[in-house]
Protein backbone atom coordinates (compact mmCIF):
# COMPACT_ATOMS: atom_id res chain seq x y z
CA MET A 1 19.91 5.22 -14.27
CA SER A 2 16.63 6.71 -13.68
CA LYS A 3 16.03 9.70 -11.41
CA TRP A 4 14.20 7.38 -8.95
CA THR A 5 17.04 4.98 -8.71
CA ASP A 6 19.42 7.90 -7.93
CA ILE A 7 17.12 9.13 -5.26
CA ARG A 8 16.64 5.63 -3.79
CA ASP A 9 20.42 5.05 -3.81
CA SER A 10 21.07 8.26 -2.12
CA ILE A 11 18.65 7.52 0.63
CA GLU A 12 19.98 4.00 1.13
CA ASP A 13 23.59 5.43 1.43
CA ALA A 14 22.47 8.06 3.87
CA VAL A 15 20.58 5.68 6.10
CA SER A 16 23.43 3.00 6.03
CA THR A 17 25.97 5.59 7.20
CA THR A 18 23.66 7.19 9.83
CA LYS A 19 24.00 6.07 13.46
CA VAL A 20 20.38 5.40 14.57
CA ASP A 21 20.15 6.50 18.12
CA GLU A 22 17.34 7.68 20.21
CA GLN A 23 17.54 11.32 18.94
CA VAL A 24 17.15 10.04 15.40
CA LYS A 25 14.17 7.82 16.20
CA GLN A 26 12.52 10.75 18.14
CA ALA A 27 13.07 13.11 15.12
CA VAL A 28 11.69 10.61 12.66
CA THR A 29 8.63 9.96 14.85
CA GLN A 30 8.04 13.69 15.12
CA LYS A 31 8.34 14.28 11.37
CA CYS A 32 5.79 11.35 10.84
CA TYR A 33 3.44 13.14 13.06
CA ASP A 34 4.04 16.67 11.93
CA VAL A 35 4.46 16.17 8.12
CA ILE A 36 3.33 12.68 6.92
CA LEU A 37 0.28 12.15 9.06
CA PRO A 38 -1.58 15.54 7.97
CA ILE A 39 -0.96 14.52 4.24
CA LEU A 40 -2.29 10.97 4.88
CA GLN A 41 -5.31 12.43 6.77
CA LYS A 42 -6.11 14.81 3.87
CA LEU A 43 -5.81 11.95 1.42
CA GLY A 44 -7.93 9.65 3.74
CA ASP A 45 -10.67 12.33 4.23
CA GLY A 46 -10.90 12.92 0.56
CA PHE A 47 -11.22 9.15 -0.26
CA ALA A 48 -13.76 8.61 2.56
CA ALA A 49 -15.87 11.50 1.36
CA SER A 50 -15.66 10.26 -2.24
CA VAL A 51 -16.82 6.60 -1.44
CA LYS A 52 -19.51 7.97 0.83
CA ALA A 53 -20.82 10.13 -1.95
CA GLN A 54 -20.63 7.17 -4.39
CA SER A 55 -22.60 4.98 -1.93
CA ALA A 56 -25.77 6.72 -2.81
CA ASP A 57 -25.67 5.06 -6.36
CA GLU A 58 -24.75 1.62 -4.94
CA SER A 59 -27.11 -1.13 -3.42
CA GLY A 60 -26.58 -4.16 -1.16
CA TRP A 61 -23.05 -4.93 0.10
CA CYS A 62 -21.48 -2.32 -2.19
CA LYS A 63 -23.48 0.25 -0.53
CA VAL A 64 -22.44 -0.93 2.94
CA ARG A 65 -18.83 -1.00 1.84
CA ASP A 66 -18.88 2.52 0.60
CA ALA A 67 -21.04 4.02 3.10
CA ILE A 68 -19.53 2.43 6.31
CA VAL A 69 -16.80 -0.15 5.84
CA LEU A 70 -14.20 1.70 3.71
CA PRO A 71 -14.64 5.06 5.55
CA ALA A 72 -14.50 3.49 8.91
CA LEU A 73 -11.29 1.48 8.18
CA ILE A 74 -9.60 4.62 6.67
CA GLU A 75 -10.62 6.94 9.46
CA GLY A 76 -10.08 4.35 12.24
CA GLY A 77 -6.55 3.51 10.80
CA LEU A 78 -5.61 7.13 10.68
CA TRP A 79 -6.97 7.83 14.19
CA LEU A 80 -4.96 4.77 15.39
CA VAL A 81 -1.74 5.90 13.76
CA GLU A 82 -2.14 9.40 15.20
CA ALA A 83 -2.80 8.00 18.68
CA VAL A 84 0.19 5.77 18.70
CA LEU A 85 2.57 8.40 17.27
CA LYS A 86 1.14 11.04 19.83
CA LYS A 87 1.63 8.63 22.77
CA THR A 88 5.01 7.53 21.49
CA ILE A 89 6.27 11.27 21.32
CA GLU A 90 4.85 11.99 24.81
CA LYS A 91 6.67 8.98 26.23
CA THR A 92 9.91 9.29 24.63
CA THR A 93 10.29 12.93 25.23
CA SER A 94 9.45 12.58 28.92
CA ILE A 95 11.96 9.65 29.08
CA SER A 96 14.81 11.90 27.50
CA ALA A 97 13.84 14.89 29.65
CA SER A 98 14.38 13.00 32.97
């Protein structure tokens, strides 16, 4: 077996035996916000900057795509994910605190 298959199988085993309760869901949401989102934002910022720079050499719809559409989709999507995660964390932690 490949190393990837071993990793995948161990994750599947861990998930199938873990009881998914409110604490687990809150922890996963917090990890997504604290760990995964910053990585995605860094990648998205780099991609958006790269295509914006390349738009100088484009014309027509390709210029619009590179200068406006792709950066807006990436930045808007990341903003939306951040807003949803933040709101979810606020609401679920306030519920469990009461």
